[in-house]
Amino acid sequence: MLLRWLSIISLLWLGMSQALADESGAGLFERNCAACHGSAGTGGIGVPLALPSFQATISDDYIRKTIRYGRPGRVMPAFTQLSPDEVEAIVHYVRAWNKKPPVVYTSATIKGDPAHGQQLFGQYCAVCHGANAEGGDGTGVTFSRPRDLPIMAPALHNPGFLASASDGMIKATLMNGREGTPMVSFLKRGLKEKDIDDLVSYVRSLDKQPLPASAQVLKVESPVIERDSPYDFKTTVENIKQAVSNNNFFYGRVQTLEYGFTSPENENPKQVIVYFCNVSLLNQVLAIDPRVGMFLPCRITILEQGGKVKVMSVNPKVLSGLFNNAELNRLCDQMTQSYTAIMEEATL
């Protein structure tokens, strides 16, 4: 009788533990993943995790490593701040959408001819995944425009993907395709299993090649651009306003740094922000990643402290890494050059 009760208690405890894990996983997913992948895993900025054909070919380890490593330059961040237990809770929650037994792949390396695989990749894969496997155009950030496909072609030449996907998973995806996406079975396209092994070998060989631009974010020497002004405070503000116009931006307004945080009579008039904008640049940046809108319009801060005037701004290059979006690199670099030119012209 005692053994029977112990068995019942054990089952009840396991059930309670499972329910707590699900609840924890649901909360963690909602806080960390749902904004991109959708609360029900139907996708959005990120891939649709609940897609049956996706669930059928991925392993728990693939999800686990994807959470840890992310996809450098492709919006998906590396969640290094999550504990191992939190990662496992999210993995379990995501796998609850899987209606079939989970796939387990071995760590065995698939032997093939990478040179032949490269030829096949150019013929069958490059149209979606890019000539150098850098991924499809765009990074899935589609707040401001409709999605053309249910899933963006992932970047295969990416350290996060290559660290997460086993050879067996890549082969299974090529063999079976993914229903509900443009990815079809390569067997149905006429390739033999040996050809698929060659393709897997080529994709794995990308690990030894220089990273494409799509997997890189800008390196920032300093998160802040800062210059000392030889002029008095009022002259410096006027110089910034003029330099803004000289560099193809339009001046917006001057506002105290403390505006809205204290009553007007307590605002420090020697700490101000100059707001400015370039509509063409604004539209280009927002079309790539609407999240940049949080940092717009452009702004430069002028402070006078101890009789010295300082001009400073956030370095726009920071946005590339902050949003983990390599498609912002060119425009962020251009914006940094513009900010620097304005500040240097105003403080000459």
Protein backbone atom coordinates (compact mmCIF):
# COMPACT_ATOMS: atom_id res chain seq x y z
CA MET A 1 0.00 0.00 0.00
CA LEU A 2 2.84 2.36 0.94
CA LEU A 3 4.59 1.76 -2.37
CA ARG A 4 1.33 2.46 -4.18
CA TRP A 5 0.88 5.80 -2.40
CA LEU A 6 4.51 6.71 -3.06
CA SER A 7 3.97 5.99 -6.76
CA ILE A 8 0.85 8.17 -6.82
CA ILE A 9 2.66 11.00 -5.01
CA SER A 10 5.58 10.73 -7.44
CA LEU A 11 3.23 10.93 -10.42
CA LEU A 12 1.43 13.92 -8.92
CA TRP A 13 4.78 15.63 -8.25
CA LEU A 14 5.98 14.97 -11.78
CA GLY A 15 2.71 16.39 -13.12
CA MET A 16 2.99 19.48 -10.95
CA SER A 17 6.64 19.96 -11.94
CA GLN A 18 5.69 19.63 -15.61
CA ALA A 19 2.91 22.20 -15.20
CA LEU A 20 5.27 24.61 -13.44
CA ALA A 21 7.86 24.13 -16.21
CA ASP A 22 5.21 24.84 -18.85
CA GLU A 23 4.09 27.95 -17.02
CA SER A 24 7.65 29.14 -16.59
CA GLY A 25 8.41 28.41 -20.24
CA ALA A 26 5.30 30.25 -21.36
CA GLY A 27 6.25 33.33 -19.36
CA LEU A 28 9.85 33.26 -20.52
CA PHE A 29 8.77 32.80 -24.13
CA GLU A 30 6.32 35.69 -23.87
CA ARG A 31 9.00 38.01 -22.45
CA ASN A 32 11.88 37.00 -24.68
CA CYS A 33 10.53 35.45 -27.88
CA ALA A 34 6.90 36.30 -28.61
CA ALA A 35 7.57 39.82 -29.90
CA CYS A 36 9.38 38.31 -32.90
CA HIS A 37 8.01 34.78 -33.20
CA GLY A 38 4.41 35.46 -32.16
CA SER A 39 2.72 34.32 -28.93
CA ALA A 40 1.42 31.22 -30.71
CA GLY A 41 4.67 30.63 -32.61
CA THR A 42 3.13 31.66 -35.93
CA GLY A 43 6.03 33.96 -36.79
CA GLY A 44 6.42 37.64 -37.51
CA ILE A 45 9.85 39.18 -37.48
CA GLY A 46 11.15 35.72 -36.60
CA VAL A 47 10.45 32.34 -38.15
CA PRO A 48 7.17 30.50 -37.39
CA LEU A 49 8.36 28.08 -34.70
CA ALA A 50 5.04 26.21 -34.56
CA LEU A 51 5.15 25.32 -38.27
CA PRO A 52 4.71 21.50 -38.32
CA SER A 53 7.36 20.93 -41.00
CA PHE A 54 9.83 23.06 -39.01
CA GLN A 55 9.12 21.15 -35.80
CA ALA A 56 9.49 17.84 -37.65
CA THR A 57 13.11 18.45 -38.66
CA ILE A 58 14.62 20.34 -35.72
CA SER A 59 16.02 18.86 -32.54
CA ASP A 60 15.83 20.17 -29.01
CA ASP A 61 19.56 20.83 -29.20
CA TYR A 62 19.05 23.04 -32.25
CA ILE A 63 16.58 25.23 -30.34
CA ARG A 64 18.82 25.24 -27.28
CA LYS A 65 21.90 26.38 -29.21
CA THR A 66 19.94 28.89 -31.29
CA ILE A 67 18.80 30.57 -28.07
CA ARG A 68 22.37 30.64 -26.81
CA TYR A 69 24.20 31.70 -30.00
CA GLY A 70 21.52 33.66 -31.85
CA ARG A 71 22.21 34.70 -35.44
CA PRO A 72 24.84 37.46 -35.57
CA GLY A 73 23.75 40.27 -37.89
CA ARG A 74 20.32 38.73 -38.59
CA VAL A 75 18.22 40.25 -35.77
CA MET A 76 17.99 37.06 -33.66
CA PRO A 77 20.04 37.90 -30.52
CA ALA A 78 22.09 35.55 -28.37
CA PHE A 79 20.27 35.15 -25.05
CA THR A 80 23.39 34.79 -22.94
CA GLN A 81 21.63 36.24 -19.89
CA LEU A 82 19.24 33.28 -19.53
CA SER A 83 20.15 30.52 -17.10
CA PRO A 84 20.39 26.88 -18.31
CA ASP A 85 17.08 26.11 -16.58
CA GLU A 86 15.38 29.07 -18.29
CA VAL A 87 16.68 27.96 -21.69
CA GLU A 88 15.37 24.44 -21.05
CA ALA A 89 11.97 25.83 -20.05
CA ILE A 90 11.73 27.75 -23.33
CA VAL A 91 12.85 24.68 -25.31
CA HIS A 92 10.16 22.58 -23.63
CA TYR A 93 7.52 25.22 -24.29
CA VAL A 94 8.43 25.50 -27.97
CA ARG A 95 8.41 21.72 -28.31
CA ALA A 96 4.84 21.60 -26.99
CA TRP A 97 3.83 22.67 -30.52
CA ASN A 98 5.38 19.48 -31.89
CA LYS A 99 2.79 16.76 -32.51
CA LYS A 100 5.34 14.07 -33.35
CA PRO A 101 8.17 12.45 -31.38
CA PRO A 102 11.19 14.80 -31.14
CA VAL A 103 14.02 14.24 -33.59
CA VAL A 104 17.44 13.37 -32.18
CA TYR A 105 20.43 13.72 -34.50
CA THR A 106 23.86 12.24 -33.97
CA SER A 107 26.94 14.44 -33.99
CA ALA A 108 28.39 12.41 -36.87
CA THR A 109 29.93 14.36 -39.76
CA ILE A 110 28.41 13.63 -43.15
CA LYS A 111 31.07 12.83 -45.72
CA GLY A 112 30.70 14.43 -49.12
CA ASP A 113 32.42 16.45 -51.82
CA PRO A 114 32.18 20.16 -50.84
CA ALA A 115 33.40 21.30 -54.28
CA HIS A 116 30.54 19.51 -55.99
CA GLY A 117 28.23 20.72 -53.22
CA GLN A 118 29.22 24.30 -54.00
CA GLN A 119 28.22 23.82 -57.64
CA LEU A 120 24.87 22.36 -56.59
CA PHE A 121 24.36 25.20 -54.12
CA GLY A 122 24.82 27.77 -56.88
CA GLN A 123 22.33 25.90 -59.04
CA TYR A 124 19.63 25.05 -56.49
CA CYS A 125 20.05 27.14 -53.34
CA ALA A 126 21.62 30.52 -54.11
CA VAL A 127 18.42 32.03 -55.51
CA CYS A 128 16.90 31.94 -51.99
CA HIS A 129 19.86 31.70 -49.61
CA GLY A 130 22.22 34.03 -51.48
CA ALA A 131 25.29 33.35 -53.61
CA ASN A 132 27.48 33.02 -50.52
CA ALA A 133 24.78 31.54 -48.27
CA GLU A 134 24.43 34.95 -46.63
CA GLY A 135 20.66 34.57 -46.37
CA GLY A 136 17.70 36.02 -48.23
CA ASP A 137 17.29 39.75 -48.65
CA GLY A 138 15.95 41.37 -45.52
CA THR A 139 16.15 40.15 -41.99
CA GLY A 140 12.48 39.54 -41.40
CA VAL A 141 11.80 42.93 -39.83
CA THR A 142 8.48 43.56 -41.52
CA PHE A 143 6.54 45.92 -39.25
CA SER A 144 6.38 48.51 -42.02
CA ARG A 145 5.65 46.27 -44.97
CA PRO A 146 3.88 42.95 -45.70
CA ARG A 147 5.83 39.71 -45.69
CA ASP A 148 6.27 38.29 -49.19
CA LEU A 149 7.06 34.77 -47.97
CA PRO A 150 5.99 32.82 -44.86
CA ILE A 151 9.62 32.56 -43.84
CA MET A 152 12.77 34.41 -44.85
CA ALA A 153 15.49 32.18 -46.33
CA PRO A 154 17.92 31.81 -43.41
CA ALA A 155 21.60 32.70 -43.55
CA LEU A 156 23.47 29.39 -43.64
CA HIS A 157 26.88 31.08 -43.63
CA ASN A 158 26.32 32.36 -40.12
CA PRO A 159 28.22 31.28 -36.99
CA GLY A 160 24.99 30.93 -35.02
CA PHE A 161 23.40 28.61 -37.57
CA LEU A 162 26.53 26.52 -38.11
CA ALA A 163 26.99 26.10 -34.35
CA SER A 164 23.35 25.06 -33.87
CA ALA A 165 22.53 22.85 -36.88
CA SER A 166 23.97 19.35 -37.05
CA ASP A 167 24.88 17.72 -40.35
CA GLY A 168 21.98 15.32 -39.83
CA MET A 169 19.48 18.15 -39.46
CA ILE A 170 20.72 19.94 -42.58
CA LYS A 171 20.50 16.69 -44.53
CA ALA A 172 16.99 15.92 -43.26
CA THR A 173 15.83 19.39 -44.29
CA LEU A 174 17.26 18.94 -47.78
CA MET A 175 15.78 15.45 -48.11
CA ASN A 176 12.29 16.31 -46.84
CA GLY A 177 11.90 20.04 -47.45
CA ARG A 178 9.62 22.13 -45.25
CA GLU A 179 5.97 22.23 -46.18
CA GLY A 180 4.52 25.71 -45.87
CA THR A 181 7.75 27.38 -46.97
CA PRO A 182 9.54 27.74 -50.32
CA MET A 183 11.94 24.97 -49.18
CA VAL A 184 11.06 21.81 -51.13
CA SER A 185 12.49 18.30 -51.00
CA PHE A 186 15.65 18.10 -53.06
CA LEU A 187 14.94 14.45 -53.75
CA LYS A 188 11.80 15.62 -55.53
CA ARG A 189 13.94 18.07 -57.49
CA GLY A 190 15.90 15.15 -58.90
CA LEU A 191 18.98 15.07 -56.65
CA LYS A 192 20.40 11.84 -55.29
CA GLU A 193 21.30 11.25 -51.65
CA LYS A 194 24.99 11.51 -52.58
CA ASP A 195 24.33 14.98 -54.02
CA ILE A 196 22.65 15.99 -50.78
CA ASP A 197 25.65 14.74 -48.81
CA ASP A 198 27.83 16.95 -51.01
CA LEU A 199 25.59 19.94 -50.29
CA VAL A 200 25.80 19.28 -46.54
CA SER A 201 29.59 19.11 -46.79
CA TYR A 202 29.69 22.42 -48.61
CA VAL A 203 27.46 24.15 -46.03
CA ARG A 204 29.66 22.76 -43.24
CA SER A 205 32.78 24.01 -45.02
CA LEU A 206 31.47 27.58 -44.73
CA ASP A 207 32.65 27.45 -41.11
CA LYS A 208 36.21 27.87 -42.40
CA GLN A 209 35.48 30.82 -44.72
CA PRO A 210 35.41 34.56 -43.87
CA LEU A 211 32.04 35.74 -42.65
CA PRO A 212 29.80 37.50 -45.17
CA ALA A 213 28.61 41.05 -44.47
CA SER A 214 25.22 39.70 -43.36
CA ALA A 215 26.82 38.10 -40.28
CA GLN A 216 28.73 41.17 -39.14
CA VAL A 217 27.74 44.16 -37.04
CA LEU A 218 29.72 47.39 -36.95
CA LYS A 219 32.56 47.71 -34.48
CA VAL A 220 32.24 50.84 -32.40
CA GLU A 221 35.35 52.64 -31.17
CA SER A 222 33.22 54.65 -28.75
CA PRO A 223 29.44 54.62 -28.13
CA VAL A 224 29.49 58.42 -27.91
CA ILE A 225 30.79 61.04 -30.36
CA GLU A 226 32.15 63.94 -28.36
CA ARG A 227 33.82 67.26 -29.17
CA ASP A 228 34.92 70.26 -27.09
CA SER A 229 33.76 73.63 -28.41
CA PRO A 230 36.06 76.68 -28.33
CA TYR A 231 32.98 78.91 -28.53
CA ASP A 232 30.54 80.09 -25.89
CA PHE A 233 27.33 78.12 -25.34
CA LYS A 234 25.02 80.31 -27.44
CA THR A 235 27.44 80.46 -30.39
CA THR A 236 27.94 76.69 -30.29
CA VAL A 237 24.19 76.08 -30.46
CA GLU A 238 23.90 78.41 -33.47
CA ASN A 239 26.91 76.74 -35.10
CA ILE A 240 25.29 73.30 -34.73
CA LYS A 241 22.05 74.58 -36.28
CA GLN A 242 23.97 75.99 -39.24
CA ALA A 243 26.13 72.87 -39.66
CA VAL A 244 22.98 70.73 -39.67
CA SER A 245 21.70 72.67 -42.71
CA ASN A 246 25.09 72.60 -44.41
CA ASN A 247 25.13 68.80 -44.22
CA ASN A 248 21.75 68.20 -45.92
CA PHE A 249 19.62 67.90 -42.77
CA PHE A 250 16.82 70.21 -41.78
CA TYR A 251 16.83 71.80 -38.37
CA GLY A 252 13.90 70.92 -36.11
CA ARG A 253 14.09 72.57 -32.72
CA VAL A 254 16.19 73.25 -29.62
CA GLN A 255 14.91 71.77 -26.39
CA THR A 256 16.37 71.68 -22.88
CA LEU A 257 17.75 68.35 -21.75
CA GLU A 258 15.39 68.36 -18.78
CA TYR A 259 12.24 69.22 -20.73
CA GLY A 260 9.30 67.22 -19.38
CA PHE A 261 11.26 65.96 -16.36
CA THR A 262 10.92 69.09 -14.24
CA SER A 263 9.00 72.35 -14.22
CA PRO A 264 10.08 74.92 -16.87
CA GLU A 265 11.57 77.30 -14.32
CA ASN A 266 13.87 74.55 -13.03
CA GLU A 267 15.20 73.50 -16.44
CA ASN A 268 18.92 74.13 -17.01
CA PRO A 269 19.18 76.49 -20.05
CA LYS A 270 22.83 75.51 -20.54
CA GLN A 271 21.97 71.88 -21.33
CA VAL A 272 20.05 71.52 -24.60
CA ILE A 273 19.35 69.09 -27.43
CA VAL A 274 19.29 70.16 -31.08
CA TYR A 275 16.87 68.02 -33.10
CA PHE A 276 17.29 67.58 -36.86
CA CYS A 277 16.36 65.17 -39.63
CA ASN A 278 16.93 64.03 -43.22
CA VAL A 279 13.67 62.60 -44.58
CA SER A 280 15.31 60.48 -47.29
CA LEU A 281 17.72 58.92 -44.80
CA LEU A 282 14.91 58.50 -42.29
CA ASN A 283 12.78 56.54 -44.78
CA GLN A 284 15.69 54.31 -45.79
CA VAL A 285 16.51 53.40 -42.19
CA LEU A 286 12.91 52.77 -41.16
CA ALA A 287 12.34 50.58 -44.22
CA ILE A 288 15.15 48.32 -43.02
CA ASP A 289 14.39 48.29 -39.30
CA PRO A 290 11.50 50.29 -37.81
CA ARG A 291 12.98 49.90 -34.32
CA VAL A 292 15.47 52.62 -35.21
CA GLY A 293 12.53 55.01 -34.91
CA MET A 294 13.13 55.01 -31.15
CA PHE A 295 16.31 57.01 -31.78
CA LEU A 296 14.82 59.46 -34.26
CA PRO A 297 14.80 62.33 -35.03
CA CYS A 298 18.56 62.86 -34.99
CA ARG A 299 19.86 64.82 -32.02
CA ILE A 300 23.03 66.44 -30.71
CA THR A 301 23.43 67.56 -27.09
CA ILE A 302 25.27 70.74 -26.05
CA LEU A 303 26.32 71.21 -22.42
CA GLU A 304 28.11 73.96 -20.56
CA GLN A 305 29.80 72.85 -17.36
CA GLY A 306 32.40 74.82 -15.42
CA GLY A 307 32.65 77.36 -18.21
CA LYS A 308 33.49 74.68 -20.82
CA VAL A 309 31.14 73.80 -23.69
CA LYS A 310 30.87 70.19 -24.85
CA VAL A 311 29.04 68.77 -27.87
CA MET A 312 28.05 65.09 -27.89
CA SER A 313 25.73 62.49 -29.39
CA VAL A 314 25.15 58.75 -29.43
CA ASN A 315 27.27 57.08 -32.11
CA PRO A 316 24.75 55.77 -34.70
CA LYS A 317 27.02 52.75 -35.31
CA VAL A 318 25.80 51.44 -31.95
CA LEU A 319 22.42 50.70 -33.56
CA SER A 320 23.92 47.98 -35.77
CA GLY A 321 24.94 45.95 -32.73
CA LEU A 322 22.02 46.99 -30.53
CA PHE A 323 19.51 45.63 -33.03
CA ASN A 324 21.87 42.88 -34.31
CA ASN A 325 20.95 43.89 -37.86
CA ALA A 326 23.78 43.92 -40.41
CA GLU A 327 21.52 45.55 -42.99
CA LEU A 328 21.78 48.74 -40.97
CA ASN A 329 25.58 48.84 -41.29
CA ARG A 330 25.88 51.08 -44.34
CA LEU A 331 23.35 53.64 -43.18
CA CYS A 332 24.60 53.64 -39.58
CA ASP A 333 28.12 54.27 -40.84
CA GLN A 334 26.79 57.07 -43.07
CA MET A 335 24.93 58.62 -40.14
CA THR A 336 28.04 58.48 -37.95
CA GLN A 337 30.02 60.32 -40.63
CA SER A 338 27.26 62.97 -40.86
CA TYR A 339 27.08 63.46 -37.08
CA THR A 340 30.87 63.78 -36.90
CA ALA A 341 30.97 66.25 -39.80
CA ILE A 342 28.28 68.43 -38.19
CA MET A 343 29.99 68.45 -34.81
CA GLU A 344 33.45 69.13 -36.22
CA GLU A 345 32.17 71.95 -38.47
CA ALA A 346 30.41 73.55 -35.48
CA THR A 347 33.47 73.39 -33.21
CA LEU A 348 36.27 74.37 -35.60
